PDB file of N, CA and C in Angstrom:
ATOM      1  N   UNK A   1      27.514  94.325  52.581  1.00  0.00           N
ATOM      2  CA  UNK A   1      27.892  93.542  51.440  1.00  0.00           C
ATOM      3  C   UNK A   1      29.124  94.190  50.798  1.00  0.00           C
ATOM      4  N   UNK A   2      30.105  93.390  50.491  1.00  0.00           N
ATOM      5  CA  UNK A   2      31.327  93.865  49.858  1.00  0.00           C
ATOM      6  C   UNK A   2      31.107  93.929  48.353  1.00  0.00           C
ATOM      7  N   UNK A   3      31.429  95.045  47.760  1.00  0.00           N
ATOM      8  CA  UNK A   3      31.228  95.230  46.327  1.00  0.00           C
ATOM      9  C   UNK A   3      32.499  95.024  45.520  1.00  0.00           C
ATOM     10  N   UNK A   4      33.656  95.062  46.161  1.00  0.00           N
ATOM     11  CA  UNK A   4      34.931  94.999  45.459  1.00  0.00           C
ATOM     12  C   UNK A   4      35.325  93.602  45.047  1.00  0.00           C
ATOM     13  N   UNK A   5      36.516  93.509  44.491  1.00  0.00           N
ATOM     14  CA  UNK A   5      37.048  92.244  44.030  1.00  0.00           C
ATOM     15  C   UNK A   5      38.414  92.012  44.663  1.00  0.00           C
ATOM     16  N   UNK A   6      38.758  90.740  44.863  1.00  0.00           N
ATOM     17  CA  UNK A   6      40.113  90.363  45.231  1.00  0.00           C
ATOM     18  C   UNK A   6      40.876  90.213  43.933  1.00  0.00           C
ATOM     19  N   UNK A   7      42.062  90.798  43.868  1.00  0.00           N
ATOM     20  CA  UNK A   7      42.891  90.643  42.683  1.00  0.00           C
ATOM     21  C   UNK A   7      44.340  90.542  43.103  1.00  0.00           C
ATOM     22  N   UNK A   8      45.138  89.992  42.225  1.00  0.00           N
ATOM     23  CA  UNK A   8      46.573  89.946  42.493  1.00  0.00           C
ATOM     24  C   UNK A   8      47.316  90.441  41.272  1.00  0.00           C
ATOM     25  N   UNK A   9      48.512  90.900  41.509  1.00  0.00           N
ATOM     26  CA  UNK A   9      49.377  91.341  40.438  1.00  0.00           C
ATOM     27  C   UNK A   9      50.770  90.815  40.744  1.00  0.00           C
ATOM     28  N   UNK A  10      51.462  90.380  39.701  1.00  0.00           N
ATOM     29  CA  UNK A  10      52.807  89.858  39.866  1.00  0.00           C
ATOM     30  C   UNK A  10      53.759  90.727  39.065  1.00  0.00           C
ATOM     31  N   UNK A  11      54.823  91.173  39.721  1.00  0.00           N
ATOM     32  CA  UNK A  11      55.824  92.006  39.070  1.00  0.00           C
ATOM     33  C   UNK A  11      57.189  91.357  39.215  1.00  0.00           C
ATOM     34  N   UNK A  12      57.969  91.415  38.166  1.00  0.00           N
ATOM     35  CA  UNK A  12      59.359  90.994  38.251  1.00  0.00           C
ATOM     36  C   UNK A  12      60.214  92.217  37.966  1.00  0.00           C
ATOM     37  N   UNK A  13      61.038  92.568  38.931  1.00  0.00           N
ATOM     38  CA  UNK A  13      61.918  93.715  38.772  1.00  0.00           C
ATOM     39  C   UNK A  13      62.994  93.337  37.748  1.00  0.00           C
ATOM     40  N   UNK A  14      63.165  94.138  36.694  1.00  0.00           N
ATOM     41  CA  UNK A  14      64.170  93.810  35.682  1.00  0.00           C
ATOM     42  C   UNK A  14      65.575  93.699  36.292  1.00  0.00           C
ATOM     43  N   UNK A  15      66.385  92.856  35.701  1.00  0.00           N
ATOM     44  CA  UNK A  15      67.728  92.607  36.220  1.00  0.00           C
ATOM     45  C   UNK A  15      68.612  93.857  36.184  1.00  0.00           C
ATOM     46  N   UNK A  16      68.300  94.817  35.319  1.00  0.00           N
ATOM     47  CA  UNK A  16      69.132  96.019  35.228  1.00  0.00           C
ATOM     48  C   UNK A  16      68.771  97.102  36.257  1.00  0.00           C
ATOM     49  N   UNK A  17      67.781  96.840  37.077  1.00  0.00           N
ATOM     50  CA  UNK A  17      67.410  97.796  38.128  1.00  0.00           C
ATOM     51  C   UNK A  17      68.403  97.657  39.279  1.00  0.00           C
ATOM     52  N   UNK A  18      69.030  98.767  39.630  1.00  0.00           N
ATOM     53  CA  UNK A  18      70.004  98.786  40.717  1.00  0.00           C
ATOM     54  C   UNK A  18      69.298  99.162  42.023  1.00  0.00           C
ATOM     55  N   UNK A  19      69.987  98.975  43.152  1.00  0.00           N
ATOM     56  CA  UNK A  19      69.369  99.407  44.415  1.00  0.00           C
ATOM     57  C   UNK A  19      68.949 100.878  44.393  1.00  0.00           C
ATOM     58  N   UNK A  20      69.731 101.732  43.723  1.00  0.00           N
ATOM     59  CA  UNK A  20      69.384 103.156  43.671  1.00  0.00           C
ATOM     60  C   UNK A  20      68.125 103.431  42.849  1.00  0.00           C
ATOM     61  N   UNK A  21      67.851 102.587  41.874  1.00  0.00           N
ATOM     62  CA  UNK A  21      66.690 102.778  41.008  1.00  0.00           C
ATOM     63  C   UNK A  21      65.458 102.015  41.478  1.00  0.00           C
ATOM     64  N   UNK A  22      65.613 101.163  42.479  1.00  0.00           N
ATOM     65  CA  UNK A  22      64.529 100.285  42.914  1.00  0.00           C
ATOM     66  C   UNK A  22      63.303 101.058  43.398  1.00  0.00           C
ATOM     67  N   UNK A  23      63.486 102.046  44.257  1.00  0.00           N
ATOM     68  CA  UNK A  23      62.354 102.795  44.809  1.00  0.00           C
ATOM     69  C   UNK A  23      61.515 103.423  43.703  1.00  0.00           C
ATOM     70  N   UNK A  24      62.140 104.108  42.769  1.00  0.00           N
ATOM     71  CA  UNK A  24      61.407 104.753  41.677  1.00  0.00           C
ATOM     72  C   UNK A  24      60.700 103.745  40.791  1.00  0.00           C
ATOM     73  N   UNK A  25      61.392 102.660  40.470  1.00  0.00           N
ATOM     74  CA  UNK A  25      60.785 101.620  39.640  1.00  0.00           C
ATOM     75  C   UNK A  25      59.562 101.040  40.339  1.00  0.00           C
ATOM     76  N   UNK A  26      59.711 100.666  41.608  1.00  0.00           N
ATOM     77  CA  UNK A  26      58.598 100.057  42.337  1.00  0.00           C
ATOM     78  C   UNK A  26      57.435 101.026  42.477  1.00  0.00           C
ATOM     79  N   UNK A  27      57.717 102.267  42.789  1.00  0.00           N
ATOM     80  CA  UNK A  27      56.655 103.272  42.939  1.00  0.00           C
ATOM     81  C   UNK A  27      55.847 103.391  41.651  1.00  0.00           C
ATOM     82  N   UNK A  28      56.529 103.467  40.521  1.00  0.00           N
ATOM     83  CA  UNK A  28      55.850 103.596  39.227  1.00  0.00           C
ATOM     84  C   UNK A  28      54.972 102.373  38.943  1.00  0.00           C
ATOM     85  N   UNK A  29      55.510 101.188  39.184  1.00  0.00           N
ATOM     86  CA  UNK A  29      54.768  99.960  38.913  1.00  0.00           C
ATOM     87  C   UNK A  29      53.584  99.782  39.868  1.00  0.00           C
ATOM     88  N   UNK A  30      53.771 100.100  41.130  1.00  0.00           N
ATOM     89  CA  UNK A  30      52.684  99.968  42.114  1.00  0.00           C
ATOM     90  C   UNK A  30      51.572 100.971  41.800  1.00  0.00           C
ATOM     91  N   UNK A  31      51.927 102.179  41.403  1.00  0.00           N
ATOM     92  CA  UNK A  31      50.905 103.164  41.022  1.00  0.00           C
ATOM     93  C   UNK A  31      50.135 102.694  39.794  1.00  0.00           C
ATOM     94  N   UNK A  32      50.813 102.019  38.868  1.00  0.00           N
ATOM     95  CA  UNK A  32      50.130 101.475  37.686  1.00  0.00           C
ATOM     96  C   UNK A  32      49.150 100.374  38.088  1.00  0.00           C
ATOM     97  N   UNK A  33      49.539  99.550  39.044  1.00  0.00           N
ATOM     98  CA  UNK A  33      48.631  98.508  39.545  1.00  0.00           C
ATOM     99  C   UNK A  33      47.447  99.165  40.250  1.00  0.00           C
ATOM    100  N   UNK A  34      47.702 100.181  41.063  1.00  0.00           N
ATOM    101  CA  UNK A  34      46.626 100.892  41.763  1.00  0.00           C
ATOM    102  C   UNK A  34      45.644 101.487  40.762  1.00  0.00           C
ATOM    103  N   UNK A  35      46.144 101.983  39.651  1.00  0.00           N
ATOM    104  CA  UNK A  35      45.284 102.605  38.638  1.00  0.00           C
ATOM    105  C   UNK A  35      44.321 101.603  38.010  1.00  0.00           C
ATOM    106  N   UNK A  36      44.590 100.313  38.143  1.00  0.00           N
ATOM    107  CA  UNK A  36      43.693  99.298  37.579  1.00  0.00           C
ATOM    108  C   UNK A  36      42.493  99.016  38.479  1.00  0.00           C
ATOM    109  N   UNK A  37      42.492  99.558  39.686  1.00  0.00           N
ATOM    110  CA  UNK A  37      41.377  99.336  40.601  1.00  0.00           C
ATOM    111  C   UNK A  37      40.116  99.976  40.026  1.00  0.00           C
ATOM    112  N   UNK A  38      39.073  99.180  39.916  1.00  0.00           N
ATOM    113  CA  UNK A  38      37.821  99.640  39.344  1.00  0.00           C
ATOM    114  C   UNK A  38      36.935 100.253  40.423  1.00  0.00           C
ATOM    115  N   UNK A  39      37.014  99.714  41.602  1.00  0.00           N
ATOM    116  CA  UNK A  39      36.133 100.063  42.700  1.00  0.00           C
ATOM    117  C   UNK A  39      36.978 100.424  43.910  1.00  0.00           C
ATOM    118  N   UNK A  40      36.545 101.356  44.713  1.00  0.00           N
ATOM    119  CA  UNK A  40      37.337 101.724  45.890  1.00  0.00           C
ATOM    120  C   UNK A  40      37.417 100.597  46.915  1.00  0.00           C
ATOM    121  N   UNK A  41      36.578  99.584  46.788  1.00  0.00           N
ATOM    122  CA  UNK A  41      36.612  98.447  47.702  1.00  0.00           C
ATOM    123  C   UNK A  41      37.435  97.275  47.164  1.00  0.00           C
ATOM    124  N   UNK A  42      38.028  97.410  45.984  1.00  0.00           N
ATOM    125  CA  UNK A  42      38.891  96.357  45.446  1.00  0.00           C
ATOM    126  C   UNK A  42      40.072  96.136  46.395  1.00  0.00           C
ATOM    127  N   UNK A  43      40.477  94.893  46.505  1.00  0.00           N
ATOM    128  CA  UNK A  43      41.625  94.528  47.328  1.00  0.00           C
ATOM    129  C   UNK A  43      42.652  93.884  46.411  1.00  0.00           C
ATOM    130  N   UNK A  44      43.832  94.491  46.367  1.00  0.00           N
ATOM    131  CA  UNK A  44      44.880  94.008  45.471  1.00  0.00           C
ATOM    132  C   UNK A  44      46.091  93.578  46.297  1.00  0.00           C
ATOM    133  N   UNK A  45      46.592  92.397  45.984  1.00  0.00           N
ATOM    134  CA  UNK A  45      47.812  91.886  46.590  1.00  0.00           C
ATOM    135  C   UNK A  45      48.855  91.830  45.487  1.00  0.00           C
ATOM    136  N   UNK A  46      50.022  92.381  45.741  1.00  0.00           N
ATOM    137  CA  UNK A  46      51.080  92.428  44.733  1.00  0.00           C
ATOM    138  C   UNK A  46      52.242  91.562  45.202  1.00  0.00           C
ATOM    139  N   UNK A  47      52.686  90.679  44.327  1.00  0.00           N
ATOM    140  CA  UNK A  47      53.873  89.865  44.593  1.00  0.00           C
ATOM    141  C   UNK A  47      54.985  90.380  43.698  1.00  0.00           C
ATOM    142  N   UNK A  48      56.087  90.785  44.320  1.00  0.00           N
ATOM    143  CA  UNK A  48      57.220  91.365  43.599  1.00  0.00           C
ATOM    144  C   UNK A  48      58.406  90.412  43.676  1.00  0.00           C
ATOM    145  N   UNK A  49      58.904  90.024  42.516  1.00  0.00           N
ATOM    146  CA  UNK A  49      60.096  89.189  42.426  1.00  0.00           C
ATOM    147  C   UNK A  49      61.280  90.107  42.123  1.00  0.00           C
ATOM    148  N   UNK A  50      62.294  90.061  42.966  1.00  0.00           N
ATOM    149  CA  UNK A  50      63.440  90.963  42.825  1.00  0.00           C
ATOM    150  C   UNK A  50      64.723  90.194  43.151  1.00  0.00           C
ATOM    151  N   UNK A  51      65.789  90.554  42.466  1.00  0.00           N
ATOM    152  CA  UNK A  51      67.063  89.888  42.705  1.00  0.00           C
ATOM    153  C   UNK A  51      67.601  90.222  44.091  1.00  0.00           C
ATOM    154  N   UNK A  52      68.194  89.213  44.729  1.00  0.00           N
ATOM    155  CA  UNK A  52      68.744  89.386  46.070  1.00  0.00           C
ATOM    156  C   UNK A  52      69.757  90.520  46.141  1.00  0.00           C
ATOM    157  N   UNK A  53      70.555  90.691  45.087  1.00  0.00           N
ATOM    158  CA  UNK A  53      71.601  91.727  45.118  1.00  0.00           C
ATOM    159  C   UNK A  53      71.007  93.128  45.305  1.00  0.00           C
ATOM    160  N   UNK A  54      69.800  93.347  44.793  1.00  0.00           N
ATOM    161  CA  UNK A  54      69.139  94.638  44.975  1.00  0.00           C
ATOM    162  C   UNK A  54      68.728  94.802  46.436  1.00  0.00           C
ATOM    163  N   UNK A  55      68.158  93.749  47.005  1.00  0.00           N
ATOM    164  CA  UNK A  55      67.719  93.808  48.402  1.00  0.00           C
ATOM    165  C   UNK A  55      68.897  93.979  49.348  1.00  0.00           C
ATOM    166  N   UNK A  56      69.969  93.237  49.101  1.00  0.00           N
ATOM    167  CA  UNK A  56      71.155  93.356  49.952  1.00  0.00           C
ATOM    168  C   UNK A  56      71.785  94.739  49.830  1.00  0.00           C
ATOM    169  N   UNK A  57      71.725  95.318  48.638  1.00  0.00           N
ATOM    170  CA  UNK A  57      72.269  96.655  48.426  1.00  0.00           C
ATOM    171  C   UNK A  57      71.510  97.727  49.188  1.00  0.00           C
ATOM    172  N   UNK A  58      70.249  97.482  49.438  1.00  0.00           N
ATOM    173  CA  UNK A  58      69.418  98.452  50.159  1.00  0.00           C
ATOM    174  C   UNK A  58      69.402  98.216  51.661  1.00  0.00           C
ATOM    175  N   UNK A  59      69.405  96.981  52.058  1.00  0.00           N
ATOM    176  CA  UNK A  59      69.271  96.647  53.474  1.00  0.00           C
ATOM    177  C   UNK A  59      67.810  96.467  53.828  1.00  0.00           C
ATOM    178  N   UNK A  60      67.560  95.668  54.846  1.00  0.00           N
ATOM    179  CA  UNK A  60      66.178  95.306  55.190  1.00  0.00           C
ATOM    180  C   UNK A  60      65.337  96.488  55.661  1.00  0.00           C
ATOM    181  N   UNK A  61      65.907  97.416  56.423  1.00  0.00           N
ATOM    182  CA  UNK A  61      65.128  98.563  56.907  1.00  0.00           C
ATOM    183  C   UNK A  61      64.685  99.458  55.753  1.00  0.00           C
ATOM    184  N   UNK A  62      65.578  99.673  54.799  1.00  0.00           N
ATOM    185  CA  UNK A  62      65.250 100.522  53.650  1.00  0.00           C
ATOM    186  C   UNK A  62      64.186  99.851  52.778  1.00  0.00           C
ATOM    187  N   UNK A  63      64.339  98.543  52.554  1.00  0.00           N
ATOM    188  CA  UNK A  63      63.340  97.809  51.750  1.00  0.00           C
ATOM    189  C   UNK A  63      61.986  97.879  52.440  1.00  0.00           C
ATOM    190  N   UNK A  64      61.959  97.667  53.744  1.00  0.00           N
ATOM    191  CA  UNK A  64      60.703  97.729  54.493  1.00  0.00           C
ATOM    192  C   UNK A  64      60.071  99.116  54.382  1.00  0.00           C
ATOM    193  N   UNK A  65      60.866 100.147  54.478  1.00  0.00           N
ATOM    194  CA  UNK A  65      60.375 101.519  54.355  1.00  0.00           C
ATOM    195  C   UNK A  65      59.789 101.772  52.963  1.00  0.00           C
ATOM    196  N   UNK A  66      60.463 101.284  51.934  1.00  0.00           N
ATOM    197  CA  UNK A  66      59.981 101.455  50.558  1.00  0.00           C
ATOM    198  C   UNK A  66      58.632 100.756  50.379  1.00  0.00           C
ATOM    199  N   UNK A  67      58.518  99.528  50.866  1.00  0.00           N
ATOM    200  CA  UNK A  67      57.269  98.768  50.715  1.00  0.00           C
ATOM    201  C   UNK A  67      56.133  99.411  51.501  1.00  0.00           C
ATOM    202  N   UNK A  68      56.404  99.833  52.733  1.00  0.00           N
ATOM    203  CA  UNK A  68      55.365 100.480  53.537  1.00  0.00           C
ATOM    204  C   UNK A  68      54.895 101.775  52.890  1.00  0.00           C
ATOM    205  N   UNK A  69      55.817 102.527  52.331  1.00  0.00           N
ATOM    206  CA  UNK A  69      55.456 103.772  51.665  1.00  0.00           C
ATOM    207  C   UNK A  69      54.571 103.531  50.454  1.00  0.00           C
ATOM    208  N   UNK A  70      54.893 102.482  49.696  1.00  0.00           N
ATOM    209  CA  UNK A  70      54.096 102.166  48.509  1.00  0.00           C
ATOM    210  C   UNK A  70      52.684 101.756  48.893  1.00  0.00           C
ATOM    211  N   UNK A  71      52.547 100.943  49.924  1.00  0.00           N
ATOM    212  CA  UNK A  71      51.216 100.503  50.375  1.00  0.00           C
ATOM    213  C   UNK A  71      50.427 101.687  50.936  1.00  0.00           C
ATOM    214  N   UNK A  72      51.098 102.571  51.664  1.00  0.00           N
ATOM    215  CA  UNK A  72      50.412 103.720  52.262  1.00  0.00           C
ATOM    216  C   UNK A  72      49.839 104.664  51.213  1.00  0.00           C
ATOM    217  N   UNK A  73      50.479 104.769  50.049  1.00  0.00           N
ATOM    218  CA  UNK A  73      50.032 105.697  49.013  1.00  0.00           C
ATOM    219  C   UNK A  73      48.983 105.108  48.084  1.00  0.00           C
ATOM    220  N   UNK A  74      48.744 103.828  48.174  1.00  0.00           N
ATOM    221  CA  UNK A  74      47.811 103.163  47.259  1.00  0.00           C
ATOM    222  C   UNK A  74      46.720 102.462  48.075  1.00  0.00           C
ATOM    223  N   UNK A  75      45.543 103.057  48.184  1.00  0.00           N
ATOM    224  CA  UNK A  75      44.512 102.538  49.088  1.00  0.00           C
ATOM    225  C   UNK A  75      43.990 101.137  48.752  1.00  0.00           C
ATOM    226  N   UNK A  76      44.064 100.713  47.515  1.00  0.00           N
ATOM    227  CA  UNK A  76      43.547  99.389  47.170  1.00  0.00           C
ATOM    228  C   UNK A  76      44.584  98.280  47.323  1.00  0.00           C
ATOM    229  N   UNK A  77      45.841  98.650  47.463  1.00  0.00           N
ATOM    230  CA  UNK A  77      46.897  97.654  47.629  1.00  0.00           C
ATOM    231  C   UNK A  77      46.896  97.232  49.096  1.00  0.00           C
ATOM    232  N   UNK A  78      46.494  96.003  49.336  1.00  0.00           N
ATOM    233  CA  UNK A  78      46.426  95.481  50.696  1.00  0.00           C
ATOM    234  C   UNK A  78      47.816  95.162  51.232  1.00  0.00           C
ATOM    235  N   UNK A  79      48.635  94.529  50.380  1.00  0.00           N
ATOM    236  CA  UNK A  79      50.001  94.209  50.807  1.00  0.00           C
ATOM    237  C   UNK A  79      50.859  93.934  49.582  1.00  0.00           C
ATOM    238  N   UNK A  80      52.162  94.028  49.832  1.00  0.00           N
ATOM    239  CA  UNK A  80      53.154  93.695  48.817  1.00  0.00           C
ATOM    240  C   UNK A  80      53.994  92.560  49.382  1.00  0.00           C
ATOM    241  N   UNK A  81      54.006  91.454  48.654  1.00  0.00           N
ATOM    242  CA  UNK A  81      54.811  90.296  49.050  1.00  0.00           C
ATOM    243  C   UNK A  81      56.100  90.331  48.240  1.00  0.00           C
ATOM    244  N   UNK A  82      57.218  90.234  48.920  1.00  0.00           N
ATOM    245  CA  UNK A  82      58.508  90.320  48.260  1.00  0.00           C
ATOM    246  C   UNK A  82      59.143  88.941  48.195  1.00  0.00           C
ATOM    247  N   UNK A  83      59.605  88.570  47.017  1.00  0.00           N
ATOM    248  CA  UNK A  83      60.279  87.281  46.811  1.00  0.00           C
ATOM    249  C   UNK A  83      61.676  87.568  46.286  1.00  0.00           C
ATOM    250  N   UNK A  84      62.688  87.153  47.039  1.00  0.00           N
ATOM    251  CA  UNK A  84      64.082  87.358  46.633  1.00  0.00           C
ATOM    252  C   UNK A  84      64.513  86.237  45.695  1.00  0.00           C
ATOM    253  N   UNK A  85      65.210  86.614  44.640  1.00  0.00           N
ATOM    254  CA  UNK A  85      65.648  85.655  43.628  1.00  0.00           C
ATOM    255  C   UNK A  85      67.161  85.719  43.434  1.00  0.00           C
ATOM    256  N   UNK A  86      67.728  84.581  43.086  1.00  0.00           N
ATOM    257  CA  UNK A  86      69.139  84.547  42.696  1.00  0.00           C
ATOM    258  C   UNK A  86      69.293  84.899  41.220  1.00  0.00           C
ATOM    259  N   UNK A  87      68.266  84.587  40.423  1.00  0.00           N
ATOM    260  CA  UNK A  87      68.257  84.862  38.987  1.00  0.00           C
ATOM    261  C   UNK A  87      66.837  85.244  38.594  1.00  0.00           C
ATOM    262  N   UNK A  88      66.683  85.967  37.501  1.00  0.00           N
ATOM    263  CA  UNK A  88      65.326  86.319  37.040  1.00  0.00           C
ATOM    264  C   UNK A  88      64.513  85.063  36.714  1.00  0.00           C
ATOM    265  N   UNK A  89      63.205  85.152  36.888  1.00  0.00           N
ATOM    266  CA  UNK A  89      62.318  84.039  36.567  1.00  0.00           C
ATOM    267  C   UNK A  89      62.124  83.930  35.056  1.00  0.00           C
ATOM    268  N   UNK A  90      61.937  82.706  34.606  1.00  0.00           N
ATOM    269  CA  UNK A  90      61.603  82.476  33.198  1.00  0.00           C
ATOM    270  C   UNK A  90      60.106  82.753  33.008  1.00  0.00           C
ATOM    271  N   UNK A  91      59.683  82.776  31.773  1.00  0.00           N
ATOM    272  CA  UNK A  91      58.262  82.987  31.471  1.00  0.00           C
ATOM    273  C   UNK A  91      57.422  81.877  32.123  1.00  0.00           C
ATOM    274  N   UNK A  92      57.882  80.632  32.027  1.00  0.00           N
ATOM    275  CA  UNK A  92      57.140  79.506  32.616  1.00  0.00           C
ATOM    276  C   UNK A  92      57.037  79.653  34.131  1.00  0.00           C
ATOM    277  N   UNK A  93      58.106  80.114  34.762  1.00  0.00           N
ATOM    278  CA  UNK A  93      58.080  80.305  36.220  1.00  0.00           C
ATOM    279  C   UNK A  93      57.143  81.444  36.607  1.00  0.00           C
ATOM    280  N   UNK A  94      57.088  82.490  35.791  1.00  0.00           N
ATOM    281  CA  UNK A  94      56.148  83.589  36.060  1.00  0.00           C
ATOM    282  C   UNK A  94      54.711  83.106  35.913  1.00  0.00           C
ATOM    283  N   UNK A  95      54.446  82.266  34.912  1.00  0.00           N
ATOM    284  CA  UNK A  95      53.099  81.721  34.735  1.00  0.00           C
ATOM    285  C   UNK A  95      52.723  80.839  35.919  1.00  0.00           C
ATOM    286  N   UNK A  96      53.675  80.075  36.418  1.00  0.00           N
ATOM    287  CA  UNK A  96      53.421  79.238  37.595  1.00  0.00           C
ATOM    288  C   UNK A  96      53.105  80.104  38.818  1.00  0.00           C
ATOM    289  N   UNK A  97      53.844  81.189  38.990  1.00  0.00           N
ATOM    290  CA  UNK A  97      53.588  82.114  40.099  1.00  0.00           C
ATOM    291  C   UNK A  97      52.201  82.738  39.972  1.00  0.00           C
ATOM    292  N   UNK A  98      51.795  83.068  38.752  1.00  0.00           N
ATOM    293  CA  UNK A  98      50.457  83.631  38.533  1.00  0.00           C
ATOM    294  C   UNK A  98      49.376  82.616  38.871  1.00  0.00           C
ATOM    295  N   UNK A  99      49.593  81.362  38.515  1.00  0.00           N
ATOM    296  CA  UNK A  99      48.622  80.310  38.836  1.00  0.00           C
ATOM    297  C   UNK A  99      48.510  80.119  40.346  1.00  0.00           C
ATOM    298  N   UNK A 100      49.641  80.167  41.048  1.00  0.00           N
ATOM    299  CA  UNK A 100      49.620  80.055  42.510  1.00  0.00           C
ATOM    300  C   UNK A 100      48.858  81.218  43.133  1.00  0.00           C
ATOM    301  N   UNK A 101      49.083  82.404  42.614  1.00  0.00           N
ATOM    302  CA  UNK A 101      48.380  83.586  43.125  1.00  0.00           C
ATOM    303  C   UNK A 101      46.878  83.458  42.910  1.00  0.00           C
ATOM    304  N   UNK A 102      46.475  82.952  41.767  1.00  0.00           N
ATOM    305  CA  UNK A 102      45.049  82.761  41.472  1.00  0.00           C
ATOM    306  C   UNK A 102      44.428  81.753  42.437  1.00  0.00           C
ATOM    307  N   UNK A 103      45.142  80.667  42.725  1.00  0.00           N
ATOM    308  CA  UNK A 103      44.645  79.674  43.681  1.00  0.00           C
ATOM    309  C   UNK A 103      44.466  80.291  45.070  1.00  0.00           C
ATOM    310  N   UNK A 104      45.416  81.118  45.467  1.00  0.00           N
ATOM    311  CA  UNK A 104      45.323  81.788  46.763  1.00  0.00           C
ATOM    312  C   UNK A 104      44.105  82.695  46.816  1.00  0.00           C
ATOM    313  N   UNK A 105      43.871  83.452  45.736  1.00  0.00           N
ATOM    314  CA  UNK A 105      42.713  84.346  45.690  1.00  0.00           C
ATOM    315  C   UNK A 105      41.400  83.572  45.716  1.00  0.00           C
ATOM    316  N   UNK A 106      41.348  82.450  45.019  1.00  0.00           N
ATOM    317  CA  UNK A 106      40.133  81.642  45.019  1.00  0.00           C
ATOM    318  C   UNK A 106      39.853  81.096  46.410  1.00  0.00           C
ATOM    319  N   UNK A 107      40.884  80.662  47.122  1.00  0.00           N
ATOM    320  CA  UNK A 107      40.704  80.162  48.485  1.00  0.00           C
ATOM    321  C   UNK A 107      40.233  81.281  49.408  1.00  0.00           C
ATOM    322  N   UNK A 108      40.802  82.458  49.261  1.00  0.00           N
ATOM    323  CA  UNK A 108      40.399  83.601  50.072  1.00  0.00           C
ATOM    324  C   UNK A 108      38.960  83.998  49.778  1.00  0.00           C
ATOM    325  N   UNK A 109      38.598  84.013  48.516  1.00  0.00           N
ATOM    326  CA  UNK A 109      37.238  84.348  48.122  1.00  0.00           C
ATOM    327  C   UNK A 109      36.247  83.324  48.677  1.00  0.00           C
ATOM    328  N   UNK A 110      36.615  82.055  48.634  1.00  0.00           N
ATOM    329  CA  UNK A 110      35.746  81.006  49.169  1.00  0.00           C
ATOM    330  C   UNK A 110      35.522  81.195  50.665  1.00  0.00           C
ATOM    331  N   UNK A 111      36.565  81.583  51.390  1.00  0.00           N
ATOM    332  CA  UNK A 111      36.408  81.824  52.835  1.00  0.00           C
ATOM    333  C   UNK A 111      35.478  82.990  53.104  1.00  0.00           C
ATOM    334  N   UNK A 112      35.629  84.051  52.300  1.00  0.00           N
ATOM    335  CA  UNK A 112      34.754  85.220  52.475  1.00  0.00           C
ATOM    336  C   UNK A 112      33.313  84.843  52.190  1.00  0.00           C
ATOM    337  N   UNK A 113      33.089  84.103  51.110  1.00  0.00           N
ATOM    338  CA  UNK A 113      31.734  83.687  50.747  1.00  0.00           C
ATOM    339  C   UNK A 113      31.135  82.775  51.827  1.00  0.00           C
ATOM    340  N   UNK A 114      31.955  81.911  52.392  1.00  0.00           N
ATOM    341  CA  UNK A 114      31.474  81.004  53.441  1.00  0.00           C
ATOM    342  C   UNK A 114      31.088  81.772  54.696  1.00  0.00           C
ATOM    343  N   UNK A 115      31.715  82.923  54.893  1.00  0.00           N
ATOM    344  CA  UNK A 115      31.388  83.727  56.079  1.00  0.00           C
ATOM    345  C   UNK A 115      30.211  84.655  55.838  1.00  0.00           C
ATOM    346  N   UNK A 116      29.601  84.576  54.647  1.00  0.00           N
ATOM    347  CA  UNK A 116      28.400  85.373  54.379  1.00  0.00           C
ATOM    348  C   UNK A 116      28.651  86.623  53.554  1.00  0.00           C
ATOM    349  N   UNK A 117      29.912  86.935  53.244  1.00  0.00           N
ATOM    350  CA  UNK A 117      30.212  88.114  52.420  1.00  0.00           C
ATOM    351  C   UNK A 117      29.979  87.788  50.957  1.00  0.00           C
ATOM    352  N   UNK A 118      29.764  88.807  50.171  1.00  0.00           N
ATOM    353  CA  UNK A 118      29.606  88.604  48.736  1.00  0.00           C
ATOM    354  C   UNK A 118      30.754  89.323  48.056  1.00  0.00           C
ATOM    355  N   UNK A 119      31.583  88.553  47.391  1.00  0.00           N
ATOM    356  CA  UNK A 119      32.768  89.101  46.790  1.00  0.00           C
ATOM    357  C   UNK A 119      33.075  88.398  45.487  1.00  0.00           C
ATOM    358  N   UNK A 120      33.346  89.140  44.472  1.00  0.00           N
ATOM    359  CA  UNK A 120      33.723  88.550  43.180  1.00  0.00           C
ATOM    360  C   UNK A 120      35.228  88.375  43.145  1.00  0.00           C
ATOM    361  N   UNK A 121      35.695  87.340  42.518  1.00  0.00           N
ATOM    362  CA  UNK A 121      37.127  87.101  42.381  1.00  0.00           C
ATOM    363  C   UNK A 121      37.497  87.135  40.919  1.00  0.00           C
ATOM    364  N   UNK A 122      38.632  87.760  40.641  1.00  0.00           N
ATOM    365  CA  UNK A 122      39.100  87.858  39.261  1.00  0.00           C
ATOM    366  C   UNK A 122      40.473  87.261  39.152  1.00  0.00           C
TER     367      UNK A 122
END
């Protein structure tokens, strides 16, 4: 029986974060999300919204290395989904992204429950 919870977290990288500051910023934020895990069996999916100019400044291999390193250091973080943006999201767009994430978690939880697992969704 699974005791943990499925959870998601949405982060928007501030527009003033440069490619050089991205790794430190992401590491700090991902560790803060990891610290919210209540149970060692919690599964957390993080969606990160970041401006394209930051990603292009780093290159795909460097971005991939940064994301893999963050996931490797945080046992409850299952994956980090990266969304490239041309402009920062508005508050309404962030709320819409949060609603989409919640729908995804509910669908995932329903599949787990249908397969006989017991899992709470938050």
